[in-house]
């Protein structure tokens, strides 16, 4: 092990795709510790994990700032407000403040569809600057305006479906790098040159043509109980948005209606059946997809 070049050790660690294997590499040799930890902590997915595991992770990164600074992507699933004890919230606050290089953050609630936590203070005065942020946990009126004012580098923003933004949350000039959003149409500012949008199906869907000059990717989430046929949506939108290259109509159960999973990193995957069709338009290949989410 002593004779192995540092580049080869780093390559070995980069080829390991699962956390147990990378954790084992940390115990192979001292020379493996730093490069293995680089991959082990770079992307952290705690969705579906127990509160005990969340506490252990928070304690680890709060004590070892070298590990905390390796975290670039973090997914959390937190208890509802009444079940999230103040001492646990304080531990998470310390852990987040230690993750100075965090770029991608996804926070969801253990109770699907309930974005009403008042613990928005967890994101106040944090040292990191996000490029991707997805939230289905916090209540927007308690934190969002202050958070977006601080997080000036966000490019991808995902908010709970059905939520309207408080006034002055996204005024002109705020989030100048924003190019993609996942939200209800009313929450998407019309003065932004957005390239990617994910949204639930709404009666005011034709308003999406406001983004016809820049929009290249559109994903529309349709609850199964609606009678609107996906082909109608495709036929209505493709001619109206000439810049559109990728259109997906996704059918889901209402209880599984979630936000932002295609726009933020995640280690979880969903099984889908899809049929695709493409046709040339002005020399550009355009693809429309009709997906049955299982």
C-alpha atoms as a PDB file:
ATOM      1  CA  UNK A   1       0.000   0.000   0.000  1.00  0.00           C
ATOM      2  CA  UNK A   2       2.889   2.346   0.777  1.00  0.00           C
ATOM      3  CA  UNK A   3       4.106   2.143  -2.834  1.00  0.00           C
ATOM      4  CA  UNK A   4       0.746   2.871  -4.476  1.00  0.00           C
ATOM      5  CA  UNK A   5       0.681   6.287  -6.194  1.00  0.00           C
ATOM      6  CA  UNK A   6      -1.721   8.806  -4.658  1.00  0.00           C
ATOM      7  CA  UNK A   7      -3.508   9.148  -8.002  1.00  0.00           C
ATOM      8  CA  UNK A   8      -4.230   5.395  -8.098  1.00  0.00           C
ATOM      9  CA  UNK A   9      -5.628   5.440  -4.556  1.00  0.00           C
ATOM     10  CA  UNK A  10      -7.907   8.327  -5.500  1.00  0.00           C
ATOM     11  CA  UNK A  11      -9.030   6.428  -8.618  1.00  0.00           C
ATOM     12  CA  UNK A  12      -9.851   3.310  -6.571  1.00  0.00           C
ATOM     13  CA  UNK A  13     -11.983   5.372  -4.202  1.00  0.00           C
ATOM     14  CA  UNK A  14     -13.762   7.154  -7.050  1.00  0.00           C
ATOM     15  CA  UNK A  15     -14.767   3.809  -8.615  1.00  0.00           C
ATOM     16  CA  UNK A  16     -16.542   2.659  -5.427  1.00  0.00           C
ATOM     17  CA  UNK A  17     -20.226   3.495  -5.696  1.00  0.00           C
ATOM     18  CA  UNK A  18     -21.691   2.374  -2.362  1.00  0.00           C
ATOM     19  CA  UNK A  19     -21.029   3.817   1.087  1.00  0.00           C
ATOM     20  CA  UNK A  20     -20.234   0.513   2.876  1.00  0.00           C
ATOM     21  CA  UNK A  21     -17.413  -0.163   0.405  1.00  0.00           C
ATOM     22  CA  UNK A  22     -16.018   3.357   0.734  1.00  0.00           C
ATOM     23  CA  UNK A  23     -16.239   3.120   4.536  1.00  0.00           C
ATOM     24  CA  UNK A  24     -14.250  -0.133   4.365  1.00  0.00           C
ATOM     25  CA  UNK A  25     -11.561   1.582   2.285  1.00  0.00           C
ATOM     26  CA  UNK A  26     -11.045   4.041   5.141  1.00  0.00           C
ATOM     27  CA  UNK A  27      -9.849   1.090   7.238  1.00  0.00           C
ATOM     28  CA  UNK A  28      -7.526  -0.417   4.609  1.00  0.00           C
ATOM     29  CA  UNK A  29      -4.647   1.986   5.138  1.00  0.00           C
ATOM     30  CA  UNK A  30      -4.037   5.487   6.442  1.00  0.00           C
ATOM     31  CA  UNK A  31      -3.330   6.601   2.864  1.00  0.00           C
ATOM     32  CA  UNK A  32      -6.898   5.653   1.916  1.00  0.00           C
ATOM     33  CA  UNK A  33      -8.549   7.685   4.678  1.00  0.00           C
ATOM     34  CA  UNK A  34      -8.546  11.162   3.088  1.00  0.00           C
ATOM     35  CA  UNK A  35      -9.553  10.174  -0.482  1.00  0.00           C
ATOM     36  CA  UNK A  36     -12.168   7.703   0.777  1.00  0.00           C
ATOM     37  CA  UNK A  37     -13.682  10.264   3.134  1.00  0.00           C
ATOM     38  CA  UNK A  38     -13.777  12.737   0.250  1.00  0.00           C
ATOM     39  CA  UNK A  39     -16.241  10.434  -1.555  1.00  0.00           C
ATOM     40  CA  UNK A  40     -18.003   9.203   1.585  1.00  0.00           C
ATOM     41  CA  UNK A  41     -19.022  12.677   2.721  1.00  0.00           C
ATOM     42  CA  UNK A  42     -19.340  14.499  -0.600  1.00  0.00           C
ATOM     43  CA  UNK A  43     -22.942  13.323  -1.148  1.00  0.00           C
ATOM     44  CA  UNK A  44     -24.941  12.588   2.021  1.00  0.00           C
ATOM     45  CA  UNK A  45     -28.451  11.133   1.711  1.00  0.00           C
ATOM     46  CA  UNK A  46     -30.296  10.815   5.043  1.00  0.00           C
ATOM     47  CA  UNK A  47     -33.796  10.544   3.588  1.00  0.00           C
ATOM     48  CA  UNK A  48     -35.695   7.721   5.244  1.00  0.00           C
ATOM     49  CA  UNK A  49     -33.056   7.357   7.950  1.00  0.00           C
ATOM     50  CA  UNK A  50     -33.912   7.228  11.652  1.00  0.00           C
ATOM     51  CA  UNK A  51     -33.534  10.179  13.963  1.00  0.00           C
ATOM     52  CA  UNK A  52     -30.733   8.284  15.712  1.00  0.00           C
ATOM     53  CA  UNK A  53     -28.719   8.213  12.466  1.00  0.00           C
ATOM     54  CA  UNK A  54     -29.393  11.924  11.874  1.00  0.00           C
ATOM     55  CA  UNK A  55     -28.140  12.727  15.384  1.00  0.00           C
ATOM     56  CA  UNK A  56     -24.984  10.649  14.835  1.00  0.00           C
ATOM     57  CA  UNK A  57     -24.225  12.390  11.522  1.00  0.00           C
ATOM     58  CA  UNK A  58     -24.793  15.838  13.051  1.00  0.00           C
ATOM     59  CA  UNK A  59     -22.453  15.046  15.947  1.00  0.00           C
ATOM     60  CA  UNK A  60     -19.771  13.737  13.582  1.00  0.00           C
ATOM     61  CA  UNK A  61     -19.620  16.755  11.279  1.00  0.00           C
ATOM     62  CA  UNK A  62     -19.969  19.206  14.177  1.00  0.00           C
ATOM     63  CA  UNK A  63     -16.906  17.664  15.868  1.00  0.00           C
ATOM     64  CA  UNK A  64     -14.827  17.082  12.735  1.00  0.00           C
ATOM     65  CA  UNK A  65     -14.899  20.189  10.549  1.00  0.00           C
ATOM     66  CA  UNK A  66     -12.592  18.563   8.000  1.00  0.00           C
ATOM     67  CA  UNK A  67     -15.364  16.040   7.266  1.00  0.00           C
ATOM     68  CA  UNK A  68     -18.052  18.727   7.297  1.00  0.00           C
ATOM     69  CA  UNK A  69     -16.177  20.736   4.685  1.00  0.00           C
ATOM     70  CA  UNK A  70     -16.219  17.736   2.334  1.00  0.00           C
ATOM     71  CA  UNK A  71     -20.052  17.757   2.163  1.00  0.00           C
ATOM     72  CA  UNK A  72     -21.301  19.214  -1.145  1.00  0.00           C
ATOM     73  CA  UNK A  73     -24.761  17.594  -1.404  1.00  0.00           C
ATOM     74  CA  UNK A  74     -27.137  16.871   1.500  1.00  0.00           C
ATOM     75  CA  UNK A  75     -30.624  15.308   1.590  1.00  0.00           C
ATOM     76  CA  UNK A  76     -32.550  15.377   4.865  1.00  0.00           C
ATOM     77  CA  UNK A  77     -35.939  14.073   5.947  1.00  0.00           C
ATOM     78  CA  UNK A  78     -36.939  15.750   9.197  1.00  0.00           C
ATOM     79  CA  UNK A  79     -39.678  15.074  11.779  1.00  0.00           C
ATOM     80  CA  UNK A  80     -42.760  17.304  11.851  1.00  0.00           C
ATOM     81  CA  UNK A  81     -42.458  20.350  14.095  1.00  0.00           C
ATOM     82  CA  UNK A  82     -44.109  18.850  17.187  1.00  0.00           C
ATOM     83  CA  UNK A  83     -41.844  15.767  17.024  1.00  0.00           C
ATOM     84  CA  UNK A  84     -38.595  17.633  16.343  1.00  0.00           C
ATOM     85  CA  UNK A  85     -37.114  18.273  19.783  1.00  0.00           C
ATOM     86  CA  UNK A  86     -35.272  21.601  20.333  1.00  0.00           C
ATOM     87  CA  UNK A  87     -32.036  19.790  21.234  1.00  0.00           C
ATOM     88  CA  UNK A  88     -32.136  17.856  17.952  1.00  0.00           C
ATOM     89  CA  UNK A  89     -32.831  21.036  15.978  1.00  0.00           C
ATOM     90  CA  UNK A  90     -29.848  22.682  17.673  1.00  0.00           C
ATOM     91  CA  UNK A  91     -27.604  19.739  16.730  1.00  0.00           C
ATOM     92  CA  UNK A  92     -28.710  20.045  13.105  1.00  0.00           C
ATOM     93  CA  UNK A  93     -28.100  23.792  13.179  1.00  0.00           C
ATOM     94  CA  UNK A  94     -24.506  23.266  14.311  1.00  0.00           C
ATOM     95  CA  UNK A  95     -23.964  20.602  11.661  1.00  0.00           C
ATOM     96  CA  UNK A  96     -25.278  22.844   8.863  1.00  0.00           C
ATOM     97  CA  UNK A  97     -23.062  25.700   9.963  1.00  0.00           C
ATOM     98  CA  UNK A  98     -20.068  23.382   9.784  1.00  0.00           C
ATOM     99  CA  UNK A  99     -20.804  22.406   6.149  1.00  0.00           C
ATOM    100  CA  UNK A 100     -19.177  25.464   4.639  1.00  0.00           C
ATOM    101  CA  UNK A 101     -18.900  24.019   1.110  1.00  0.00           C
ATOM    102  CA  UNK A 102     -22.472  22.746   0.797  1.00  0.00           C
ATOM    103  CA  UNK A 103     -23.902  23.422  -2.689  1.00  0.00           C
ATOM    104  CA  UNK A 104     -27.022  21.241  -2.950  1.00  0.00           C
ATOM    105  CA  UNK A 105     -29.643  20.873  -0.208  1.00  0.00           C
ATOM    106  CA  UNK A 106     -32.916  18.941  -0.189  1.00  0.00           C
ATOM    107  CA  UNK A 107     -35.113  19.004   2.928  1.00  0.00           C
ATOM    108  CA  UNK A 108     -38.367  17.063   3.159  1.00  0.00           C
ATOM    109  CA  UNK A 109     -40.838  16.154   5.883  1.00  0.00           C
ATOM    110  CA  UNK A 110     -41.419  12.688   7.297  1.00  0.00           C
ATOM    111  CA  UNK A 111     -45.108  13.378   6.695  1.00  0.00           C
ATOM    112  CA  UNK A 112     -45.544  13.647   2.930  1.00  0.00           C
ATOM    113  CA  UNK A 113     -47.134  16.852   1.688  1.00  0.00           C
ATOM    114  CA  UNK A 114     -46.794  18.713   4.983  1.00  0.00           C
ATOM    115  CA  UNK A 115     -44.562  21.774   4.561  1.00  0.00           C
ATOM    116  CA  UNK A 116     -45.425  23.671   7.719  1.00  0.00           C
ATOM    117  CA  UNK A 117     -42.334  23.614   9.935  1.00  0.00           C
ATOM    118  CA  UNK A 118     -41.540  26.909  11.651  1.00  0.00           C
ATOM    119  CA  UNK A 119     -37.882  25.950  12.135  1.00  0.00           C
ATOM    120  CA  UNK A 120     -36.761  28.128   9.252  1.00  0.00           C
ATOM    121  CA  UNK A 121     -34.149  29.646  11.569  1.00  0.00           C
ATOM    122  CA  UNK A 122     -32.038  26.553  10.797  1.00  0.00           C
ATOM    123  CA  UNK A 123     -31.077  28.207   7.492  1.00  0.00           C
ATOM    124  CA  UNK A 124     -30.312  31.636   8.942  1.00  0.00           C
ATOM    125  CA  UNK A 125     -26.763  32.957   8.721  1.00  0.00           C
ATOM    126  CA  UNK A 126     -25.288  29.739   7.345  1.00  0.00           C
ATOM    127  CA  UNK A 127     -21.835  30.017   5.713  1.00  0.00           C
ATOM    128  CA  UNK A 128     -22.575  28.019   2.563  1.00  0.00           C
ATOM    129  CA  UNK A 129     -23.962  29.320  -0.727  1.00  0.00           C
ATOM    130  CA  UNK A 130     -26.265  26.868  -2.476  1.00  0.00           C
ATOM    131  CA  UNK A 131     -26.676  26.344  -6.204  1.00  0.00           C
ATOM    132  CA  UNK A 132     -29.580  23.862  -5.782  1.00  0.00           C
ATOM    133  CA  UNK A 133     -32.229  24.058  -3.064  1.00  0.00           C
ATOM    134  CA  UNK A 134     -35.374  21.936  -2.693  1.00  0.00           C
ATOM    135  CA  UNK A 135     -37.731  22.294   0.266  1.00  0.00           C
ATOM    136  CA  UNK A 136     -40.929  20.441   1.145  1.00  0.00           C
ATOM    137  CA  UNK A 137     -40.504  20.906   4.898  1.00  0.00           C
ATOM    138  CA  UNK A 138     -40.456  24.532   5.976  1.00  0.00           C
ATOM    139  CA  UNK A 139     -43.440  26.848   5.824  1.00  0.00           C
ATOM    140  CA  UNK A 140     -42.451  29.504   3.233  1.00  0.00           C
ATOM    141  CA  UNK A 141     -43.788  32.474   5.191  1.00  0.00           C
ATOM    142  CA  UNK A 142     -41.448  31.745   8.088  1.00  0.00           C
ATOM    143  CA  UNK A 143     -38.108  31.683   6.314  1.00  0.00           C
ATOM    144  CA  UNK A 144     -38.103  31.828   2.527  1.00  0.00           C
ATOM    145  CA  UNK A 145     -37.637  35.533   1.877  1.00  0.00           C
ATOM    146  CA  UNK A 146     -34.666  35.794   4.255  1.00  0.00           C
ATOM    147  CA  UNK A 147     -33.116  32.559   2.958  1.00  0.00           C
ATOM    148  CA  UNK A 148     -33.329  33.510  -0.715  1.00  0.00           C
ATOM    149  CA  UNK A 149     -31.920  36.943   0.062  1.00  0.00           C
ATOM    150  CA  UNK A 150     -28.835  35.224   1.510  1.00  0.00           C
ATOM    151  CA  UNK A 151     -28.547  32.394  -1.031  1.00  0.00           C
ATOM    152  CA  UNK A 152     -27.703  34.541  -4.035  1.00  0.00           C
ATOM    153  CA  UNK A 153     -26.116  31.757  -6.123  1.00  0.00           C
ATOM    154  CA  UNK A 154     -29.143  29.431  -6.428  1.00  0.00           C
ATOM    155  CA  UNK A 155     -29.655  28.108  -9.959  1.00  0.00           C
ATOM    156  CA  UNK A 156     -32.274  25.420  -9.229  1.00  0.00           C
ATOM    157  CA  UNK A 157     -35.138  26.014  -6.779  1.00  0.00           C
ATOM    158  CA  UNK A 158     -37.855  23.502  -5.822  1.00  0.00           C
ATOM    159  CA  UNK A 159     -40.797  24.466  -3.585  1.00  0.00           C
ATOM    160  CA  UNK A 160     -43.897  22.580  -2.365  1.00  0.00           C
ATOM    161  CA  UNK A 161     -46.664  22.256  -4.937  1.00  0.00           C
ATOM    162  CA  UNK A 162     -49.758  24.296  -4.084  1.00  0.00           C
ATOM    163  CA  UNK A 163     -47.852  26.938  -2.126  1.00  0.00           C
ATOM    164  CA  UNK A 164     -47.982  30.607  -3.102  1.00  0.00           C
ATOM    165  CA  UNK A 165     -44.919  32.686  -2.385  1.00  0.00           C
ATOM    166  CA  UNK A 166     -45.202  35.508   0.158  1.00  0.00           C
ATOM    167  CA  UNK A 167     -45.019  38.981  -1.389  1.00  0.00           C
ATOM    168  CA  UNK A 168     -41.514  40.216  -2.250  1.00  0.00           C
ATOM    169  CA  UNK A 169     -40.005  36.727  -1.947  1.00  0.00           C
ATOM    170  CA  UNK A 170     -38.564  36.854  -5.471  1.00  0.00           C
ATOM    171  CA  UNK A 171     -38.370  40.506  -6.521  1.00  0.00           C
ATOM    172  CA  UNK A 172     -36.519  41.549  -9.647  1.00  0.00           C
ATOM    173  CA  UNK A 173     -32.794  41.073  -9.196  1.00  0.00           C
ATOM    174  CA  UNK A 174     -32.987  38.349  -6.545  1.00  0.00           C
ATOM    175  CA  UNK A 175     -31.498  34.983  -7.586  1.00  0.00           C
ATOM    176  CA  UNK A 176     -29.981  36.315 -10.817  1.00  0.00           C
ATOM    177  CA  UNK A 177     -28.620  32.850 -11.721  1.00  0.00           C
ATOM    178  CA  UNK A 178     -31.969  31.050 -11.440  1.00  0.00           C
ATOM    179  CA  UNK A 179     -32.587  28.832 -14.485  1.00  0.00           C
ATOM    180  CA  UNK A 180     -34.828  26.026 -13.157  1.00  0.00           C
ATOM    181  CA  UNK A 181     -37.818  25.770 -10.817  1.00  0.00           C
ATOM    182  CA  UNK A 182     -40.118  23.084  -9.476  1.00  0.00           C
ATOM    183  CA  UNK A 183     -43.275  24.698  -8.092  1.00  0.00           C
ATOM    184  CA  UNK A 184     -46.887  25.536  -8.820  1.00  0.00           C
ATOM    185  CA  UNK A 185     -47.246  27.954 -11.718  1.00  0.00           C
ATOM    186  CA  UNK A 186     -48.425  30.810  -9.472  1.00  0.00           C
ATOM    187  CA  UNK A 187     -45.168  30.573  -7.504  1.00  0.00           C
ATOM    188  CA  UNK A 188     -42.948  30.810 -10.595  1.00  0.00           C
ATOM    189  CA  UNK A 189     -41.903  34.402 -11.399  1.00  0.00           C
ATOM    190  CA  UNK A 190     -42.683  35.301 -14.993  1.00  0.00           C
ATOM    191  CA  UNK A 191     -39.763  37.726 -15.362  1.00  0.00           C
ATOM    192  CA  UNK A 192     -37.069  35.023 -15.273  1.00  0.00           C
ATOM    193  CA  UNK A 193     -35.513  33.350 -18.357  1.00  0.00           C
ATOM    194  CA  UNK A 194     -36.139  29.860 -16.988  1.00  0.00           C
ATOM    195  CA  UNK A 195     -34.862  26.895 -18.995  1.00  0.00           C
ATOM    196  CA  UNK A 196     -36.346  24.043 -16.918  1.00  0.00           C
ATOM    197  CA  UNK A 197     -39.682  23.847 -15.097  1.00  0.00           C
ATOM    198  CA  UNK A 198     -41.377  21.073 -13.147  1.00  0.00           C
ATOM    199  CA  UNK A 199     -44.967  21.751 -12.086  1.00  0.00           C
ATOM    200  CA  UNK A 200     -48.286  20.063 -11.267  1.00  0.00           C
ATOM    201  CA  UNK A 201     -51.001  20.072 -13.907  1.00  0.00           C
ATOM    202  CA  UNK A 202     -53.225  23.169 -13.589  1.00  0.00           C
ATOM    203  CA  UNK A 203     -56.116  24.648 -15.537  1.00  0.00           C
ATOM    204  CA  UNK A 204     -54.016  27.739 -16.256  1.00  0.00           C
ATOM    205  CA  UNK A 205     -51.387  25.607 -17.991  1.00  0.00           C
ATOM    206  CA  UNK A 206     -51.428  27.805 -21.155  1.00  0.00           C
ATOM    207  CA  UNK A 207     -49.706  30.530 -19.088  1.00  0.00           C
ATOM    208  CA  UNK A 208     -46.525  28.482 -19.378  1.00  0.00           C
ATOM    209  CA  UNK A 209     -46.057  29.993 -22.842  1.00  0.00           C
ATOM    210  CA  UNK A 210     -44.702  33.069 -21.046  1.00  0.00           C
ATOM    211  CA  UNK A 211     -41.421  31.160 -20.980  1.00  0.00           C
ATOM    212  CA  UNK A 212     -41.555  30.183 -24.656  1.00  0.00           C
ATOM    213  CA  UNK A 213     -38.397  32.131 -25.435  1.00  0.00           C
ATOM    214  CA  UNK A 214     -36.123  30.162 -23.096  1.00  0.00           C
ATOM    215  CA  UNK A 215     -37.846  26.988 -21.865  1.00  0.00           C
ATOM    216  CA  UNK A 216     -36.148  23.774 -23.064  1.00  0.00           C
ATOM    217  CA  UNK A 217     -37.355  21.200 -20.491  1.00  0.00           C
ATOM    218  CA  UNK A 218     -40.829  20.867 -18.977  1.00  0.00           C
ATOM    219  CA  UNK A 219     -42.114  18.172 -16.622  1.00  0.00           C
ATOM    220  CA  UNK A 220     -45.830  18.174 -15.752  1.00  0.00           C
ATOM    221  CA  UNK A 221     -47.020  16.053 -12.819  1.00  0.00           C
ATOM    222  CA  UNK A 222     -50.599  14.806 -13.291  1.00  0.00           C
ATOM    223  CA  UNK A 223     -52.601  13.006 -10.546  1.00  0.00           C
ATOM    224  CA  UNK A 224     -54.164   9.813 -11.887  1.00  0.00           C
ATOM    225  CA  UNK A 225     -57.694  10.813 -10.907  1.00  0.00           C
ATOM    226  CA  UNK A 226     -57.742  13.680 -13.421  1.00  0.00           C
ATOM    227  CA  UNK A 227     -59.366  12.871 -16.747  1.00  0.00           C
ATOM    228  CA  UNK A 228     -57.017  15.062 -18.821  1.00  0.00           C
ATOM    229  CA  UNK A 229     -55.200  12.878 -21.329  1.00  0.00           C
ATOM    230  CA  UNK A 230     -51.425  13.431 -21.573  1.00  0.00           C
ATOM    231  CA  UNK A 231     -51.622  13.585 -25.374  1.00  0.00           C
ATOM    232  CA  UNK A 232     -53.828  16.683 -25.080  1.00  0.00           C
ATOM    233  CA  UNK A 233     -51.169  18.389 -22.975  1.00  0.00           C
ATOM    234  CA  UNK A 234     -48.427  17.492 -25.438  1.00  0.00           C
ATOM    235  CA  UNK A 235     -50.401  18.614 -28.487  1.00  0.00           C
ATOM    236  CA  UNK A 236     -51.217  21.953 -26.808  1.00  0.00           C
ATOM    237  CA  UNK A 237     -47.708  22.798 -25.614  1.00  0.00           C
ATOM    238  CA  UNK A 238     -45.275  21.587 -28.254  1.00  0.00           C
ATOM    239  CA  UNK A 239     -46.403  24.025 -30.995  1.00  0.00           C
ATOM    240  CA  UNK A 240     -46.686  26.917 -28.511  1.00  0.00           C
ATOM    241  CA  UNK A 241     -43.157  26.641 -27.098  1.00  0.00           C
ATOM    242  CA  UNK A 242     -40.701  26.400 -30.009  1.00  0.00           C
ATOM    243  CA  UNK A 243     -37.663  26.210 -27.723  1.00  0.00           C
ATOM    244  CA  UNK A 244     -38.976  23.122 -25.913  1.00  0.00           C
ATOM    245  CA  UNK A 245     -36.787  20.056 -26.475  1.00  0.00           C
ATOM    246  CA  UNK A 246     -37.973  17.751 -23.674  1.00  0.00           C
ATOM    247  CA  UNK A 247     -41.547  17.400 -22.400  1.00  0.00           C
ATOM    248  CA  UNK A 248     -42.551  14.789 -19.808  1.00  0.00           C
ATOM    249  CA  UNK A 249     -46.098  14.156 -18.569  1.00  0.00           C
ATOM    250  CA  UNK A 250     -45.895  12.039 -15.420  1.00  0.00           C
ATOM    251  CA  UNK A 251     -48.934  10.275 -13.945  1.00  0.00           C
ATOM    252  CA  UNK A 252     -48.764   9.719 -10.182  1.00  0.00           C
ATOM    253  CA  UNK A 253     -51.067   8.840  -7.313  1.00  0.00           C
ATOM    254  CA  UNK A 254     -52.152  11.980  -5.463  1.00  0.00           C
ATOM    255  CA  UNK A 255     -50.616  10.633  -2.245  1.00  0.00           C
ATOM    256  CA  UNK A 256     -47.223  10.361  -3.979  1.00  0.00           C
ATOM    257  CA  UNK A 257     -47.215  13.835  -5.484  1.00  0.00           C
ATOM    258  CA  UNK A 258     -43.747  15.125  -4.683  1.00  0.00           C
ATOM    259  CA  UNK A 259     -41.597  18.012  -5.712  1.00  0.00           C
ATOM    260  CA  UNK A 260     -38.214  18.577  -7.218  1.00  0.00           C
ATOM    261  CA  UNK A 261     -36.914  15.024  -7.469  1.00  0.00           C
ATOM    262  CA  UNK A 262     -35.869  15.435 -11.092  1.00  0.00           C
ATOM    263  CA  UNK A 263     -34.159  18.744 -10.414  1.00  0.00           C
ATOM    264  CA  UNK A 264     -32.118  17.926  -7.332  1.00  0.00           C
ATOM    265  CA  UNK A 265     -29.633  15.128  -6.757  1.00  0.00           C
ATOM    266  CA  UNK A 266     -30.911  11.983  -5.125  1.00  0.00           C
ATOM    267  CA  UNK A 267     -29.640   8.462  -4.674  1.00  0.00           C
ATOM    268  CA  UNK A 268     -33.187   7.114  -4.776  1.00  0.00           C
ATOM    269  CA  UNK A 269     -34.783   6.006  -8.044  1.00  0.00           C
ATOM    270  CA  UNK A 270     -38.343   5.330  -9.143  1.00  0.00           C
ATOM    271  CA  UNK A 271     -39.538   2.691 -11.573  1.00  0.00           C
ATOM    272  CA  UNK A 272     -41.254   4.086 -14.639  1.00  0.00           C
ATOM    273  CA  UNK A 273     -42.720   2.892 -17.880  1.00  0.00           C
ATOM    274  CA  UNK A 274     -42.431   5.358 -20.706  1.00  0.00           C
ATOM    275  CA  UNK A 275     -43.120   5.756 -24.385  1.00  0.00           C
ATOM    276  CA  UNK A 276     -41.225   8.392 -26.335  1.00  0.00           C
ATOM    277  CA  UNK A 277     -41.691   9.974 -29.703  1.00  0.00           C
ATOM    278  CA  UNK A 278     -39.491  12.509 -31.431  1.00  0.00           C
ATOM    279  CA  UNK A 279     -39.808  14.669 -34.481  1.00  0.00           C
ATOM    280  CA  UNK A 280     -37.543  17.231 -36.141  1.00  0.00           C
ATOM    281  CA  UNK A 281     -38.644  20.823 -35.781  1.00  0.00           C
ATOM    282  CA  UNK A 282     -36.554  23.623 -37.287  1.00  0.00           C
ATOM    283  CA  UNK A 283     -33.585  21.284 -37.304  1.00  0.00           C
ATOM    284  CA  UNK A 284     -33.902  20.533 -33.562  1.00  0.00           C
ATOM    285  CA  UNK A 285     -34.843  17.110 -32.226  1.00  0.00           C
ATOM    286  CA  UNK A 286     -37.804  17.448 -29.855  1.00  0.00           C
ATOM    287  CA  UNK A 287     -38.799  14.632 -27.530  1.00  0.00           C
ATOM    288  CA  UNK A 288     -42.085  14.129 -25.663  1.00  0.00           C
ATOM    289  CA  UNK A 289     -42.538  11.416 -23.039  1.00  0.00           C
ATOM    290  CA  UNK A 290     -45.633   9.956 -21.422  1.00  0.00           C
ATOM    291  CA  UNK A 291     -44.688   8.248 -18.153  1.00  0.00           C
ATOM    292  CA  UNK A 292     -46.694   5.931 -15.908  1.00  0.00           C
ATOM    293  CA  UNK A 293     -45.084   6.146 -12.467  1.00  0.00           C
ATOM    294  CA  UNK A 294     -45.477   2.787 -10.735  1.00  0.00           C
END
